Amino acid sequence: MDGGTPVAEAERAVPSQAAARRPDGVDELCRALHPRLLGSLRLYLGDAETARELTQDALVRVIERWPSVQTMDHPEAWAYRVAFNLARSRLRRATAERRARARTTPVPPGRPDVDVAASIAVRRAVALLPPRQRQAVVLRYYGDLSLAEVAAVMGCRPGTVKAHLHQALTGLRLAGLADETDVADGEPTRPAPDPRPEPAPRRPEDAP
C-alpha cells in the first residue's frame, strides 16, 4: 500500500498486529471519509495542521474499533462524532492556554489564512457563529451528512439540527453571505423584516 495514503498514515499509528488482521471494508471507509473529514475540521478549527492531526486520530479509532464500527447504522457519523469531540477538546485546551498566556503576554492580532475550502468572508462568518450552529453548518453543508447523521454526531434530535441550521443561515443571510431563498433541509427561511415603519392607521376623518 502506498505509504502516502490517508489509510497508510493511520496504519502507522496503530499496532502492527492490528493492521495485519484488519478486515475488508475499513480501507474503503477511511478513504471515503478522509477528504470530507479533513475539510470539515479545517473549516471548524481554522487550523489546517491541527485538522490533519485530528483526522488521522479519528481514522485510527475507526481502524482500532472496526469490529464495532462496521455494525453501526451510521459508521461515518460515528467517525465524525469522534473527530468533533477531539476538536472541541483541542479548542478548549487552546482557549485555556491563550487565557493563561494573556495574563503575561499580549495576544498577537489576527491569524494566517489556512483554509482554502471557503472564501475568507464566509469562513470568518462561519467562525463567528455560536459553536452548535457552526458545527451544524459544517457537518450538513461541508461534511454532506444527512440530518439524521448530523443529529447523531451532535447528540440531539433532527429538529434541533434544523433549528441550528435555520438560525445560522438567517445570520449568514443578514450578513449578505447566503441567499434569501436558502433553505434548511426543506424548511424555508423567513423573509427579512421590512425596515420601513408601518404606516399609521387611517382615522375616519382622513378618509377621502
Foldseek 3Di string as FASTA:
>chain_A
DDCPALLNVLCVVDDPVLVVPQDPDLVVVLNVLQVLQLQLLCLQQVDNVVSSVLSSVLSNVCSVPVVVLVPDPCSSLVSSLSSVVVSVVVVVVVVVVVVVVVVPDPDDDDDDRDHPPDDPVVSVLLNPQPNLLSQLCSCVPRSVDDLVSSCSSVVHDSVVSQVSPLVSQVSCVVVVNHDQQDHRVPHHHDDDDDPDDDDDDDDPVNDD
